[in-house]
């Protein structure tokens, strides 16, 4: 070989080491002289790195024709085909490389990687064992082996391989990062943090490591550090939406509503928005009760992914909040069409049927929801209420007991159970249940009112009146408590006081039929009683006049005339 040719060959080797500017020199040289096969191989590699896959494969195929005994050529052709997702073609070339050199560990490793891609995980793992046998110190073999083991759901073995890869090449950020991902999926967040921090040290691109560090700290409720790493991830890449979502979630968890919503608003100007971004933005707005804006974002997310179960569910909840029940039902039904076991959709749909008084249909749906969440006390409670509504007292009692068993401090269960016990005539147990609820929260106007209702049913009118007074003291606008008090006073035959409460109610409530019916009941009791004082008649006339003036009620007018006649007779008799 002449010295001149050797010099030209050396020049070409130097040019092969360059990535961009020297590729044209390959073309020029090939027009004037025959390049060695290694030059075509490296030329193909450089073109592949530039993303020029077709040209790269052409050069690699030329190299293969020129040097069909070079395993490296076939390995690189296989890698090119692997990138093109031509797995069978890739495997064929890796096997050709092994045919030339049966000890070539890289060919085995790449063959295993291709098998992993087509789902032959057992085959991949077997081939990785051969690669390890021929080159036990190659960290990349263990790294890729670990990836295949993760896909095969053999996580403990995968962790061992990542650990081995790290011991052979401690500065490889990919190994550390993938190991961190595995630990994250196993919810081992503290150890995952160690791995992501290690990856952060050696990686040029730190965005992914920062993002997962933020996620780990979010899971550990360390919002300060989660905010720090999410912000670092955003600074690395302002177009990635996921770190903004984590940052907004941190602000939500720390009750910083303004910062949470500002994060989404500012992100929309920068990020490549996706379904997840608009879904989380919609959920944040829904949490803060911006229902219309939440619907807008969730609807936008749904246009991007019309089959998304989570979006359909939460959009249904949005319509449920707005009492647009027909649309809510449509959306919950769509969720169940996709996933018949979606517990929340079953629960919400059941509630819609319950409110529509279709108790049997509601019961069926609550039972289906129960199968997916056996220890959800709300489902027990609603099943009990369904049985109560269809007069299946035995089953209603059973599920009220279960509700209290799983959540001993769930007050509505005690109240409804007490009402049921009253209907069965078990007054002692009814009062015991309602008293338990009362002792849990004596300062609740609702519990005082509910206690009063139970006492009215058991005939304890004086004590009931006391509880209604407590409820009014706690909430001066509690109309039902005033009605309860007026009725308790009527049962105690304190007509004048009952009428005074009704006069007050006439000023507070707008056209309440229940108040009018109660007044008629009081007036009829006065009309029947022959021992009514003139003072009570006067109060009754005052009350009638106020109601007639406001509502022009013929029935009250008629009773007033009857009272006037009776009062006149009484005065004449006296």
Protein backbone atom coordinates (compact mmCIF):
# COMPACT_ATOMS: atom_id res chain seq x y z
CA UNK A 1 0.00 0.00 0.00
CA UNK A 2 1.52 3.36 -1.09
CA UNK A 3 2.35 6.09 1.42
CA UNK A 4 0.05 8.44 -0.51
CA UNK A 5 -2.93 6.08 -0.09
CA UNK A 6 -2.19 5.63 3.62
CA UNK A 7 -2.17 9.39 4.04
CA UNK A 8 -5.54 9.70 2.28
CA UNK A 9 -6.94 6.90 4.47
CA UNK A 10 -5.77 8.65 7.65
CA UNK A 11 -7.37 11.90 6.47
CA UNK A 12 -10.67 10.11 5.96
CA UNK A 13 -10.51 8.57 9.44
CA UNK A 14 -10.11 12.04 10.94
CA UNK A 15 -13.09 13.30 8.98
CA UNK A 16 -15.24 10.37 10.17
CA UNK A 17 -14.92 11.65 13.74
CA UNK A 18 -16.80 14.87 12.91
CA UNK A 19 -20.64 15.01 13.20
CA UNK A 20 -22.02 17.66 10.86
CA UNK A 21 -19.71 19.73 8.68
CA UNK A 22 -17.63 16.87 7.27
CA UNK A 23 -20.40 14.55 6.03
CA UNK A 24 -20.26 16.15 2.57
CA UNK A 25 -16.61 15.12 2.33
CA UNK A 26 -17.71 11.47 2.29
CA UNK A 27 -19.75 12.18 -0.81
CA UNK A 28 -16.89 14.02 -2.52
CA UNK A 29 -14.35 11.32 -1.67
CA UNK A 30 -16.63 8.51 -2.84
CA UNK A 31 -16.79 10.14 -6.27
CA UNK A 32 -12.98 10.08 -6.69
CA UNK A 33 -11.93 6.88 -4.93
CA UNK A 34 -13.13 3.67 -3.25
CA UNK A 35 -13.71 4.16 0.52
CA UNK A 36 -13.03 1.28 2.94
CA UNK A 37 -16.08 -0.46 4.45
CA UNK A 38 -15.36 1.04 7.89
CA UNK A 39 -15.74 4.52 6.40
CA UNK A 40 -19.20 3.68 5.05
CA UNK A 41 -20.13 2.18 8.40
CA UNK A 42 -19.09 5.28 10.31
CA UNK A 43 -20.66 7.48 7.67
CA UNK A 44 -23.93 5.60 8.24
CA UNK A 45 -23.62 6.04 11.99
CA UNK A 46 -23.10 9.79 11.61
CA UNK A 47 -26.10 10.09 9.31
CA UNK A 48 -28.23 8.10 11.75
CA UNK A 49 -27.23 10.52 14.53
CA UNK A 50 -28.40 13.35 12.29
CA UNK A 51 -31.78 11.63 11.91
CA UNK A 52 -31.19 10.86 8.22
CA UNK A 53 -32.31 7.27 8.62
CA UNK A 54 -32.75 6.37 4.94
CA UNK A 55 -29.31 7.66 3.92
CA UNK A 56 -27.74 6.03 6.97
CA UNK A 57 -29.18 2.63 6.10
CA UNK A 58 -27.94 3.00 2.53
CA UNK A 59 -24.36 3.58 3.73
CA UNK A 60 -24.54 0.74 6.23
CA UNK A 61 -25.84 -1.65 3.58
CA UNK A 62 -22.90 -0.59 1.33
CA UNK A 63 -20.52 -1.33 4.20
CA UNK A 64 -22.14 -4.78 4.62
CA UNK A 65 -21.64 -5.59 0.95
CA UNK A 66 -17.98 -4.48 1.11
CA UNK A 67 -17.16 -6.28 4.33
CA UNK A 68 -19.64 -9.04 4.96
CA UNK A 69 -17.47 -10.48 7.73
CA UNK A 70 -17.56 -7.32 9.91
CA UNK A 71 -20.07 -7.90 12.79
CA UNK A 72 -20.10 -4.18 13.61
CA UNK A 73 -21.71 -3.39 10.26
CA UNK A 74 -24.60 -5.75 10.92
CA UNK A 75 -25.02 -4.50 14.50
CA UNK A 76 -25.36 -0.92 13.23
CA UNK A 77 -27.77 -1.96 10.47
CA UNK A 78 -29.78 -3.76 13.16
CA UNK A 79 -29.79 -0.63 15.34
CA UNK A 80 -31.04 1.40 12.38
CA UNK A 81 -33.85 -1.09 11.74
CA UNK A 82 -34.62 -1.16 15.45
CA UNK A 83 -35.12 2.61 15.37
CA UNK A 84 -37.44 2.14 12.39
CA UNK A 85 -39.40 -0.45 14.45
CA UNK A 86 -38.48 -3.17 11.94
CA UNK A 87 -37.81 -5.62 14.75
CA UNK A 88 -37.66 -8.77 12.65
CA UNK A 89 -35.14 -7.15 10.28
CA UNK A 90 -33.11 -5.91 13.24
CA UNK A 91 -33.03 -9.37 14.82
CA UNK A 92 -31.91 -10.88 11.51
CA UNK A 93 -28.90 -8.52 11.38
CA UNK A 94 -27.98 -9.03 15.04
CA UNK A 95 -28.01 -12.77 14.47
CA UNK A 96 -25.83 -12.31 11.38
CA UNK A 97 -23.34 -10.40 13.54
CA UNK A 98 -23.33 -13.30 16.02
CA UNK A 99 -22.86 -15.77 13.16
CA UNK A 100 -19.66 -13.89 12.29
CA UNK A 101 -18.60 -13.48 15.94
CA UNK A 102 -20.43 -15.77 18.35
CA UNK A 103 -18.83 -14.01 21.33
CA UNK A 104 -20.03 -10.51 20.37
CA UNK A 105 -21.84 -9.36 23.53
CA UNK A 106 -23.20 -6.18 21.91
CA UNK A 107 -24.97 -8.21 19.22
CA UNK A 108 -26.57 -10.39 21.91
CA UNK A 109 -27.59 -7.34 23.94
CA UNK A 110 -29.21 -5.63 20.94
CA UNK A 111 -30.94 -8.87 19.93
CA UNK A 112 -32.38 -9.06 23.45
CA UNK A 113 -33.51 -5.42 23.22
CA UNK A 114 -35.35 -6.19 19.97
CA UNK A 115 -37.04 -9.23 21.54
CA UNK A 116 -38.11 -7.04 24.45
CA UNK A 117 -39.71 -4.57 22.02
CA UNK A 118 -41.85 -7.28 20.39
CA UNK A 119 -42.97 -8.58 23.78
CA UNK A 120 -40.84 -11.72 23.92
CA UNK A 121 -39.60 -10.86 27.39
CA UNK A 122 -38.62 -14.40 28.34
CA UNK A 123 -36.56 -14.71 25.15
CA UNK A 124 -34.98 -11.29 25.80
CA UNK A 125 -33.93 -12.24 29.32
CA UNK A 126 -32.39 -15.52 28.07
CA UNK A 127 -30.35 -13.64 25.44
CA UNK A 128 -29.20 -11.04 28.00
CA UNK A 129 -27.75 -13.94 29.99
CA UNK A 130 -25.61 -14.87 26.96
CA UNK A 131 -24.51 -11.24 26.51
CA UNK A 132 -23.49 -11.15 30.18
CA UNK A 133 -21.62 -14.42 29.79
CA UNK A 134 -19.42 -13.02 27.01
CA UNK A 135 -18.96 -9.53 28.50
CA UNK A 136 -19.71 -9.48 32.24
CA UNK A 137 -18.31 -5.92 32.67
CA UNK A 138 -20.56 -4.12 30.16
CA UNK A 139 -22.89 -1.85 32.17
CA UNK A 140 -25.21 -1.28 29.19
CA UNK A 141 -26.07 -4.98 29.12
CA UNK A 142 -27.28 -4.84 32.72
CA UNK A 143 -29.10 -1.56 32.09
CA UNK A 144 -31.11 -2.93 29.15
CA UNK A 145 -31.58 -6.24 30.93
CA UNK A 146 -33.12 -4.32 33.82
CA UNK A 147 -35.52 -2.54 31.43
CA UNK A 148 -36.71 -5.90 30.05
CA UNK A 149 -37.21 -7.23 33.58
CA UNK A 150 -39.35 -4.19 34.43
CA UNK A 151 -41.50 -4.92 31.38
CA UNK A 152 -41.80 -8.52 32.56
CA UNK A 153 -42.92 -7.16 35.97
CA UNK A 154 -39.90 -8.74 37.66
CA UNK A 155 -39.10 -5.61 39.61
CA UNK A 156 -36.82 -7.06 42.26
CA UNK A 157 -34.61 -8.65 39.61
CA UNK A 158 -34.71 -5.43 37.58
CA UNK A 159 -33.47 -3.49 40.59
CA UNK A 160 -30.56 -5.92 40.94
CA UNK A 161 -29.55 -5.31 37.30
CA UNK A 162 -29.77 -1.52 37.68
CA UNK A 163 -27.64 -1.81 40.79
CA UNK A 164 -25.05 -3.87 38.89
CA UNK A 165 -25.05 -1.40 35.99
CA UNK A 166 -24.47 1.44 38.49
CA UNK A 167 -21.55 -0.40 40.09
CA UNK A 168 -19.89 -0.80 36.66
CA UNK A 169 -20.60 2.76 35.51
CA UNK A 170 -21.54 5.03 38.44
CA UNK A 171 -21.67 8.16 36.29
CA UNK A 172 -24.39 6.98 33.87
CA UNK A 173 -27.41 9.23 34.61
CA UNK A 174 -29.78 7.01 32.60
CA UNK A 175 -29.25 4.03 34.89
CA UNK A 176 -29.80 6.13 37.97
CA UNK A 177 -32.90 7.75 36.49
CA UNK A 178 -34.52 4.46 35.40
CA UNK A 179 -33.77 2.93 38.79
CA UNK A 180 -35.45 5.96 40.35
CA UNK A 181 -38.52 5.45 38.15
CA UNK A 182 -38.78 1.84 39.29
CA UNK A 183 -38.59 2.90 42.95
CA UNK A 184 -41.16 5.65 42.29
CA UNK A 185 -43.63 3.16 40.83
CA UNK A 186 -43.15 1.01 43.92
CA UNK A 187 -43.97 4.12 46.03
CA UNK A 188 -40.51 3.96 47.61
CA UNK A 189 -40.18 7.73 47.32
CA UNK A 190 -37.25 8.30 49.68
CA UNK A 191 -34.97 5.86 47.83
CA UNK A 192 -36.22 7.19 44.49
CA UNK A 193 -35.10 10.67 45.60
CA UNK A 194 -31.56 9.35 46.13
CA UNK A 195 -31.49 7.92 42.59
CA UNK A 196 -32.97 11.03 40.93
CA UNK A 197 -30.49 13.24 42.77
CA UNK A 198 -27.65 11.03 41.53
CA UNK A 199 -28.99 11.32 37.97
CA UNK A 200 -29.19 15.09 38.43
CA UNK A 201 -25.47 15.30 39.19
CA UNK A 202 -24.31 13.56 36.01
CA UNK A 203 -27.02 14.51 33.51
CA UNK A 204 -26.70 17.43 31.12
CA UNK A 205 -30.48 17.54 30.72
CA UNK A 206 -31.87 17.86 34.24
CA UNK A 207 -35.55 18.56 33.52
CA UNK A 208 -36.83 14.99 33.96
CA UNK A 209 -34.89 14.38 37.18
CA UNK A 210 -36.11 17.68 38.65
CA UNK A 211 -39.68 16.82 37.67
CA UNK A 212 -39.62 13.41 39.35
CA UNK A 213 -37.93 14.84 42.42
CA UNK A 214 -40.83 17.31 42.61
CA UNK A 215 -43.30 14.42 42.27
CA UNK A 216 -41.57 12.43 45.03
CA UNK A 217 -41.66 15.34 47.45
CA UNK A 218 -45.30 16.00 46.54
CA UNK A 219 -46.12 12.39 47.42
CA UNK A 220 -44.27 12.84 50.73
CA UNK A 221 -46.23 16.08 51.42
CA UNK A 222 -43.00 18.07 51.46
CA UNK A 223 -44.49 20.91 49.43
CA UNK A 224 -41.60 23.31 49.96
CA UNK A 225 -39.10 21.02 48.22
CA UNK A 226 -41.69 19.92 45.65
CA UNK A 227 -42.17 23.57 44.67
CA UNK A 228 -38.41 24.06 44.45
CA UNK A 229 -37.81 21.12 42.09
CA UNK A 230 -40.91 21.79 40.00
CA UNK A 231 -39.67 25.36 39.53
CA UNK A 232 -36.21 24.05 38.54
CA UNK A 233 -37.83 21.71 36.00
CA UNK A 234 -39.77 24.64 34.54
CA UNK A 235 -36.60 26.72 34.29
CA UNK A 236 -34.97 23.85 32.36
CA UNK A 237 -37.87 23.59 29.90
CA UNK A 238 -40.71 26.10 29.96
CA UNK A 239 -42.67 24.20 27.30
CA UNK A 240 -43.24 20.97 29.29
CA UNK A 241 -46.69 21.02 30.99
CA UNK A 242 -46.14 18.38 33.70
CA UNK A 243 -43.96 20.45 36.09
CA UNK A 244 -46.58 23.23 36.01
CA UNK A 245 -49.23 20.69 37.00
CA UNK A 246 -47.12 19.56 39.98
CA UNK A 247 -46.43 23.17 40.98
CA UNK A 248 -50.15 24.03 40.85
CA UNK A 249 -50.96 20.94 42.93
CA UNK A 250 -48.46 22.05 45.58
CA UNK A 251 -50.09 25.47 45.78
CA UNK A 252 -53.50 23.80 46.02
CA UNK A 253 -52.34 21.59 48.88
CA UNK A 254 -50.92 24.60 50.73
CA UNK A 255 -54.18 26.58 50.29
CA UNK A 256 -52.67 29.12 47.89
CA UNK A 257 -55.59 29.44 45.51
CA UNK A 258 -54.33 32.51 43.68
CA UNK A 259 -50.88 31.03 42.99
CA UNK A 260 -52.43 27.71 41.93
CA UNK A 261 -54.64 29.31 39.29
CA UNK A 262 -51.93 31.78 38.21
CA UNK A 263 -49.62 28.81 37.52
CA UNK A 264 -52.08 27.35 35.03
CA UNK A 265 -52.75 30.74 33.42
CA UNK A 266 -49.07 31.56 32.95
CA UNK A 267 -48.30 28.01 31.79
CA UNK A 268 -50.88 28.20 29.00
CA UNK A 269 -48.81 30.94 27.38
CA UNK A 270 -45.67 28.75 27.29
CA UNK A 271 -46.43 25.04 27.31
CA UNK A 272 -47.42 22.54 24.70
CA UNK A 273 -50.83 22.02 26.28
CA UNK A 274 -52.28 18.53 26.46
CA UNK A 275 -55.23 16.65 27.87
CA UNK A 276 -53.69 16.25 31.33
CA UNK A 277 -52.96 19.97 31.58
CA UNK A 278 -56.54 21.07 30.87
CA UNK A 279 -57.96 18.27 33.01
CA UNK A 280 -55.97 19.35 36.06
CA UNK A 281 -56.73 23.00 35.42
CA UNK A 282 -60.44 22.16 35.24
CA UNK A 283 -60.27 20.16 38.49
CA UNK A 284 -58.51 23.05 40.25
CA UNK A 285 -61.17 25.51 39.08
CA UNK A 286 -63.89 23.09 40.18
CA UNK A 287 -62.32 22.77 43.62
CA UNK A 288 -62.37 26.56 44.00
CA UNK A 289 -65.99 26.66 42.79
CA UNK A 290 -65.36 28.38 39.45
CA UNK A 291 -67.84 25.96 37.92
CA UNK A 292 -68.32 27.62 34.50
CA UNK A 293 -64.59 28.05 33.95
CA UNK A 294 -63.98 24.50 35.12
CA UNK A 295 -66.49 23.22 32.58
CA UNK A 296 -64.71 25.17 29.84
CA UNK A 297 -61.32 23.57 30.62
CA UNK A 298 -62.72 20.07 31.11
CA UNK A 299 -64.65 20.35 27.84
CA UNK A 300 -61.45 21.42 26.09
CA UNK A 301 -59.66 18.39 27.52
CA UNK A 302 -62.51 16.18 26.34
CA UNK A 303 -62.17 17.44 22.75
CA UNK A 304 -58.53 16.28 22.88
CA UNK A 305 -59.43 12.87 24.32
CA UNK A 306 -63.17 12.12 23.89
CA UNK A 307 -62.90 8.69 25.48
CA UNK A 308 -61.07 9.80 28.63
CA UNK A 309 -62.83 8.25 31.63
CA UNK A 310 -61.52 10.78 34.18
CA UNK A 311 -62.62 13.79 32.13
CA UNK A 312 -66.08 12.33 31.47
CA UNK A 313 -66.50 11.61 35.19
CA UNK A 314 -65.48 15.07 36.39
CA UNK A 315 -67.46 16.84 33.70
CA UNK A 316 -70.44 14.81 34.90
CA UNK A 317 -69.78 16.02 38.45
CA UNK A 318 -69.67 19.59 37.10
CA UNK A 319 -73.17 19.19 35.61
CA UNK A 320 -74.32 17.47 38.82
CA UNK A 321 -73.20 20.50 40.86
CA UNK A 322 -75.19 22.74 38.50
CA UNK A 323 -78.24 20.45 38.85
CA UNK A 324 -78.22 19.72 35.14
CA UNK A 325 -79.13 16.15 35.92
CA UNK A 326 -79.91 14.89 32.41
CA UNK A 327 -76.49 15.86 31.07
CA UNK A 328 -74.77 14.55 34.22
CA UNK A 329 -76.55 11.21 33.78
CA UNK A 330 -75.43 11.00 30.13
CA UNK A 331 -71.79 11.52 31.11
CA UNK A 332 -71.83 9.04 34.01
CA UNK A 333 -73.45 6.49 31.69
CA UNK A 334 -70.64 7.03 29.15
CA UNK A 335 -68.08 6.39 31.90
CA UNK A 336 -69.81 3.12 32.78
CA UNK A 337 -69.96 2.11 29.11
CA UNK A 338 -66.17 2.29 29.11
CA UNK A 339 -65.64 0.94 32.61
CA UNK A 340 -68.64 -0.75 34.27
CA UNK A 341 -66.67 -0.93 37.53
CA UNK A 342 -66.05 2.80 37.95
CA UNK A 343 -67.20 3.18 41.55
CA UNK A 344 -67.60 6.95 41.53
CA UNK A 345 -69.69 6.95 38.35
CA UNK A 346 -71.89 4.19 39.80
CA UNK A 347 -72.26 6.15 43.04
CA UNK A 348 -73.13 9.44 41.32
CA UNK A 349 -75.58 7.81 38.94
CA UNK A 350 -77.23 6.03 41.86
CA UNK A 351 -77.61 9.38 43.64
CA UNK A 352 -79.35 10.81 40.58
CA UNK A 353 -81.85 7.94 40.58
CA UNK A 354 -82.33 8.29 44.35
CA UNK A 355 -83.12 12.01 43.98
CA UNK A 356 -85.56 11.07 41.20
CA UNK A 357 -87.23 8.68 43.69
CA UNK A 358 -86.32 5.61 41.66
CA UNK A 359 -85.09 3.84 44.80
CA UNK A 360 -84.86 0.32 43.37
CA UNK A 361 -82.64 1.46 40.48
CA UNK A 362 -80.56 3.53 42.91
CA UNK A 363 -80.20 0.50 45.18
CA UNK A 364 -78.90 -1.68 42.33
CA UNK A 365 -76.30 0.94 41.38
CA UNK A 366 -75.20 1.56 44.99
CA UNK A 367 -74.71 -2.20 45.40
CA UNK A 368 -72.56 -2.26 42.25
CA UNK A 369 -70.52 0.65 43.61
CA UNK A 370 -70.25 -1.22 46.91
CA UNK A 371 -68.56 -4.19 45.16
CA UNK A 372 -65.76 -1.85 44.11
CA UNK A 373 -65.44 -0.09 47.45
CA UNK A 374 -66.62 -2.44 50.19
CA UNK A 375 -65.58 -0.20 53.08
CA UNK A 376 -67.03 3.09 51.85
CA UNK A 377 -69.41 4.11 54.64
CA UNK A 378 -71.22 6.56 52.34
CA UNK A 379 -72.30 3.65 50.15
CA UNK A 380 -73.52 1.70 53.20
CA UNK A 381 -75.45 4.79 54.28
CA UNK A 382 -77.12 5.26 50.90
CA UNK A 383 -77.99 1.58 50.59
CA UNK A 384 -79.62 1.88 54.02
CA UNK A 385 -81.59 4.93 52.86
CA UNK A 386 -82.79 3.08 49.73
CA UNK A 387 -84.05 0.17 51.84
CA UNK A 388 -85.67 2.68 54.22
CA UNK A 389 -87.50 4.34 51.30
CA UNK A 390 -88.86 1.03 49.98
CA UNK A 391 -89.93 -0.01 53.52
CA UNK A 392 -87.43 -2.85 53.84
CA UNK A 393 -86.83 -2.02 57.50
CA UNK A 394 -84.72 -5.07 58.32
CA UNK A 395 -82.13 -4.37 55.61
CA UNK A 396 -82.22 -0.65 56.33
CA UNK A 397 -81.30 -1.33 59.96
CA UNK A 398 -78.56 -3.71 58.86
CA UNK A 399 -76.88 -1.11 56.66
CA UNK A 400 -77.30 1.78 59.11
CA UNK A 401 -75.46 -0.42 61.64
CA UNK A 402 -72.73 -1.14 59.09
CA UNK A 403 -72.36 2.58 58.37
CA UNK A 404 -71.88 3.34 62.05
CA UNK A 405 -69.53 0.36 62.44
CA UNK A 406 -67.21 1.66 59.69
CA UNK A 407 -67.56 5.34 60.63
CA UNK A 408 -68.65 5.77 64.27
CA UNK A 409 -68.66 9.58 63.93
CA UNK A 410 -70.89 9.80 60.84
CA UNK A 411 -73.76 11.78 62.34
CA UNK A 412 -76.33 11.49 59.48
CA UNK A 413 -76.39 7.70 60.00
CA UNK A 414 -77.45 8.14 63.64
CA UNK A 415 -80.17 10.65 62.67
CA UNK A 416 -81.70 8.51 59.91
CA UNK A 417 -81.40 5.38 62.02
CA UNK A 418 -83.19 7.16 64.88
CA UNK A 419 -86.04 8.13 62.53
CA UNK A 420 -86.34 4.52 61.39
CA UNK A 421 -86.43 3.26 64.99
CA UNK A 422 -89.22 5.72 65.78
CA UNK A 423 -91.27 4.25 62.96
CA UNK A 424 -90.76 0.75 64.38
CA UNK A 425 -91.93 2.00 67.79
CA UNK A 426 -88.54 1.55 69.45
CA UNK A 427 -88.52 5.00 71.04
CA UNK A 428 -85.85 4.19 73.62
CA UNK A 429 -83.29 3.14 70.99
CA UNK A 430 -84.31 6.05 68.75
CA UNK A 431 -83.59 8.59 71.51
CA UNK A 432 -80.34 6.85 72.33
CA UNK A 433 -79.14 7.13 68.72
CA UNK A 434 -80.12 10.79 68.32
CA UNK A 435 -78.55 11.67 71.65
CA UNK A 436 -75.27 10.06 70.50
CA UNK A 437 -75.30 12.32 67.44
CA UNK A 438 -76.13 15.36 69.59
CA UNK A 439 -73.24 14.71 71.98
CA UNK A 440 -70.84 14.67 69.03
CA UNK A 441 -71.76 18.21 68.02
CA UNK A 442 -74.02 20.13 70.41
CA UNK A 443 -73.41 23.37 68.54
CA UNK A 444 -74.91 22.19 65.27
CA UNK A 445 -78.24 23.82 64.49
CA UNK A 446 -79.13 20.90 62.22
CA UNK A 447 -78.46 18.26 64.90
CA UNK A 448 -80.50 20.21 67.45
CA UNK A 449 -83.34 20.43 64.93
CA UNK A 450 -83.10 16.72 64.08
CA UNK A 451 -83.09 15.88 67.80
CA UNK A 452 -86.24 18.00 68.21
CA UNK A 453 -87.97 16.16 65.35
CA UNK A 454 -87.28 12.76 66.96
CA UNK A 455 -88.53 14.03 70.35
CA UNK A 456 -91.71 15.30 68.70
CA UNK A 457 -92.33 11.81 67.29
CA UNK A 458 -91.77 10.24 70.71
CA UNK A 459 -94.16 12.72 72.38
CA UNK A 460 -91.48 14.61 74.36
CA UNK A 461 -92.81 18.02 73.31
CA UNK A 462 -91.20 20.17 76.03
CA UNK A 463 -87.74 18.74 75.35
CA UNK A 464 -88.36 19.03 71.62
CA UNK A 465 -89.23 22.71 72.06
CA UNK A 466 -85.94 23.19 73.90
CA UNK A 467 -83.96 21.65 71.04
CA UNK A 468 -85.78 23.79 68.45
CA UNK A 469 -84.93 26.88 70.54
CA UNK A 470 -81.26 25.79 70.56
CA UNK A 471 -81.33 25.45 66.77
CA UNK A 472 -82.84 28.95 66.40
CA UNK A 473 -80.27 30.37 68.80
CA UNK A 474 -77.50 28.88 66.68
CA UNK A 475 -79.10 29.96 63.38
CA UNK A 476 -81.71 32.72 63.58
CA UNK A 477 -82.77 32.09 59.95
CA UNK A 478 -83.50 28.37 60.41
CA UNK A 479 -87.13 28.38 59.19
CA UNK A 480 -87.76 24.68 59.85
CA UNK A 481 -86.66 25.10 63.46
CA UNK A 482 -89.26 27.88 63.91
CA UNK A 483 -91.93 25.62 62.40
CA UNK A 484 -90.85 22.81 64.74
CA UNK A 485 -91.04 25.17 67.73
CA UNK A 486 -94.51 26.41 66.75
CA UNK A 487 -95.74 22.82 66.44
CA UNK A 488 -94.17 21.78 69.76
CA UNK A 489 -95.87 24.73 71.50
CA UNK A 490 -99.17 23.74 69.88
CA UNK A 491 -98.83 20.20 71.25
CA UNK A 492 -98.07 21.74 74.66
CA UNK A 493 -101.31 23.76 74.18
CA UNK A 494 -99.34 27.01 74.41
CA UNK A 495 -101.46 28.59 71.69
CA UNK A 496 -100.46 32.21 72.23
CA UNK A 497 -96.73 31.41 72.06
CA UNK A 498 -97.26 29.21 69.01
CA UNK A 499 -99.13 32.03 67.26
CA UNK A 500 -96.33 34.47 68.14
CA UNK A 501 -93.82 32.17 66.43
CA UNK A 502 -96.10 31.96 63.36
CA UNK A 503 -96.35 35.78 63.19
CA UNK A 504 -92.53 35.92 63.25
CA UNK A 505 -92.38 33.25 60.54
CA UNK A 506 -94.79 35.23 58.39
CA UNK A 507 -92.23 38.03 58.33
CA UNK A 508 -89.23 35.75 57.68
CA UNK A 509 -90.52 33.24 55.11
CA UNK A 510 -91.86 33.81 51.61
CA UNK A 511 -95.12 31.99 50.80
CA UNK A 512 -94.32 28.89 52.83
CA UNK A 513 -97.30 26.50 52.52
CA UNK A 514 -96.14 24.54 55.56
CA UNK A 515 -96.48 27.65 57.74
CA UNK A 516 -100.02 28.30 56.45
CA UNK A 517 -101.03 24.69 57.10
CA UNK A 518 -99.62 24.90 60.62
CA UNK A 519 -101.56 28.12 61.28
CA UNK A 520 -104.75 26.43 60.14
CA UNK A 521 -103.96 23.54 62.50
CA UNK A 522 -103.44 25.97 65.44
CA UNK A 523 -106.63 27.89 64.61
CA UNK A 524 -108.68 24.69 64.43
CA UNK A 525 -107.34 23.61 67.84
CA UNK A 526 -108.35 27.00 69.29
CA UNK A 527 -111.75 26.69 67.61
CA UNK A 528 -112.34 23.28 69.23
CA UNK A 529 -111.20 24.38 72.70
CA UNK A 530 -113.94 25.94 74.83
CA UNK A 531 -111.55 27.30 77.45
CA UNK A 532 -109.69 29.79 75.24
CA UNK A 533 -109.06 33.21 76.77
CA UNK A 534 -109.90 36.49 75.09
CA UNK A 535 -106.17 37.22 74.92
CA UNK A 536 -105.59 34.14 72.78
CA UNK A 537 -108.50 35.05 70.49
CA UNK A 538 -106.95 38.49 70.03
CA UNK A 539 -103.59 36.93 69.12
CA UNK A 540 -105.34 34.53 66.72
CA UNK A 541 -107.14 37.43 64.97
CA UNK A 542 -103.84 39.32 64.69
CA UNK A 543 -102.17 36.30 63.14
CA UNK A 544 -105.05 35.69 60.73
CA UNK A 545 -105.03 39.33 59.58
CA UNK A 546 -101.30 39.25 58.87
CA UNK A 547 -101.55 36.04 56.84
CA UNK A 548 -104.70 37.13 54.97
CA UNK A 549 -103.11 40.48 54.17
CA UNK A 550 -100.08 38.72 52.70
CA UNK A 551 -101.53 35.61 51.08
CA UNK A 552 -105.31 36.18 50.82
CA UNK A 553 -105.96 32.61 52.03
CA UNK A 554 -109.68 31.74 51.85
CA UNK A 555 -109.40 28.88 54.31
CA UNK A 556 -107.78 31.09 56.96
CA UNK A 557 -110.46 33.73 56.26
CA UNK A 558 -113.20 31.15 56.86
CA UNK A 559 -111.67 29.97 60.16
CA UNK A 560 -111.27 33.61 61.26
CA UNK A 561 -115.03 34.19 60.79
CA UNK A 562 -115.76 31.08 62.82
CA UNK A 563 -113.45 32.28 65.60
CA UNK A 564 -115.07 35.73 65.61
CA UNK A 565 -118.47 34.14 66.00
CA UNK A 566 -117.28 31.89 68.82
CA UNK A 567 -115.52 34.80 70.53
CA UNK A 568 -118.72 36.93 70.27
CA UNK A 569 -120.77 34.15 71.85
CA UNK A 570 -118.19 33.78 74.62
CA UNK A 571 -118.20 37.53 75.36
CA UNK A 572 -122.01 37.60 75.45
CA UNK A 573 -122.04 34.60 77.79
CA UNK A 574 -119.57 36.28 80.12
